[in-house]
Protein backbone atom coordinates (compact mmCIF):
# COMPACT_ATOMS: atom_id res chain seq x y z
CA UNK A 1 -2.75 -4.02 15.54
CA UNK A 2 0.98 -4.44 15.67
CA UNK A 3 2.08 -4.04 12.05
CA UNK A 4 5.65 -5.07 12.84
CA UNK A 5 4.55 -8.39 14.33
CA UNK A 6 2.22 -9.12 11.45
CA UNK A 7 4.90 -8.20 8.91
CA UNK A 8 7.29 -10.60 10.64
CA UNK A 9 4.69 -13.38 10.59
CA UNK A 10 4.42 -12.99 6.81
CA UNK A 11 7.83 -14.64 6.57
CA UNK A 12 6.96 -18.22 5.70
CA UNK A 13 8.93 -21.45 5.48
CA UNK A 14 7.29 -22.51 2.21
CA UNK A 15 9.29 -20.80 -0.58
CA UNK A 16 6.35 -20.23 -2.93
CA UNK A 17 4.33 -18.64 -0.15
CA UNK A 18 7.27 -16.57 1.05
CA UNK A 19 7.63 -15.13 -2.46
CA UNK A 20 3.92 -14.24 -2.58
CA UNK A 21 4.10 -12.53 0.81
CA UNK A 22 7.29 -10.66 -0.12
CA UNK A 23 5.53 -9.09 -3.13
CA UNK A 24 2.38 -8.50 -1.06
CA UNK A 25 4.35 -6.69 1.65
CA UNK A 26 6.01 -4.43 -0.91
CA UNK A 27 2.81 -3.59 -2.75
CA UNK A 28 -0.15 -3.74 -0.38
CA UNK A 29 0.82 -4.07 3.28
CA UNK A 30 1.21 -0.38 4.15
CA UNK A 31 -2.27 0.40 2.78
CA UNK A 32 -4.16 -2.22 4.82
CA UNK A 33 -6.90 -1.03 7.16
CA UNK A 34 -7.13 -2.25 10.75
CA UNK A 35 -9.89 -4.69 9.75
CA UNK A 36 -7.75 -6.07 6.93
CA UNK A 37 -4.81 -6.42 9.30
CA UNK A 38 -7.01 -8.38 11.71
CA UNK A 39 -8.08 -10.69 8.88
CA UNK A 40 -4.47 -11.17 7.80
CA UNK A 41 -3.44 -11.87 11.39
CA UNK A 42 -6.09 -14.60 11.60
CA UNK A 43 -5.10 -16.06 8.24
CA UNK A 44 -1.44 -16.21 9.26
CA UNK A 45 -2.37 -18.59 12.09
CA UNK A 46 -3.01 -21.27 9.46
CA UNK A 47 -0.46 -23.81 8.29
CA UNK A 48 1.68 -22.73 5.31
CA UNK A 49 0.30 -25.50 3.11
CA UNK A 50 -3.27 -24.47 3.89
CA UNK A 51 -2.53 -20.82 3.08
CA UNK A 52 -0.77 -21.86 -0.14
CA UNK A 53 -3.78 -23.98 -1.16
CA UNK A 54 -6.06 -20.96 -0.63
CA UNK A 55 -3.76 -18.66 -2.60
CA UNK A 56 -3.23 -21.02 -5.54
CA UNK A 57 -6.94 -21.90 -5.67
CA UNK A 58 -6.63 -25.62 -5.01
CA UNK A 59 -8.71 -25.15 -1.85
CA UNK A 60 -11.81 -22.98 -1.54
CA UNK A 61 -11.74 -20.29 1.13
CA UNK A 62 -14.59 -21.00 3.52
CA UNK A 63 -13.98 -17.96 5.74
CA UNK A 64 -15.82 -15.06 4.13
CA UNK A 65 -13.77 -12.33 5.76
CA UNK A 66 -10.53 -13.82 4.36
CA UNK A 67 -11.76 -13.55 0.75
CA UNK A 68 -10.39 -10.03 0.25
CA UNK A 69 -6.98 -10.92 1.70
CA UNK A 70 -6.73 -14.07 -0.43
CA UNK A 71 -7.54 -11.92 -3.46
CA UNK A 72 -4.74 -9.49 -2.64
CA UNK A 73 -2.31 -12.37 -2.14
CA UNK A 74 -3.32 -13.92 -5.47
CA UNK A 75 -2.49 -10.63 -7.19
CA UNK A 76 0.99 -10.86 -5.76
């Protein structure tokens, strides 16, 4: 997994989401396992508004393996 590429992809156009990812990168990113990085990489392929809906809880996460990542983002 290319951590630099994934870190760069965490920069989002939606301000609220960008703020969440900024805090997430500072607190959790360096401790992610390869499996977690793969899940994050998949999640980052989604539209900003879809990711934001998952993070703020207005949309249920239907992808089981994203649950942990969404939880970490919600803590941010």
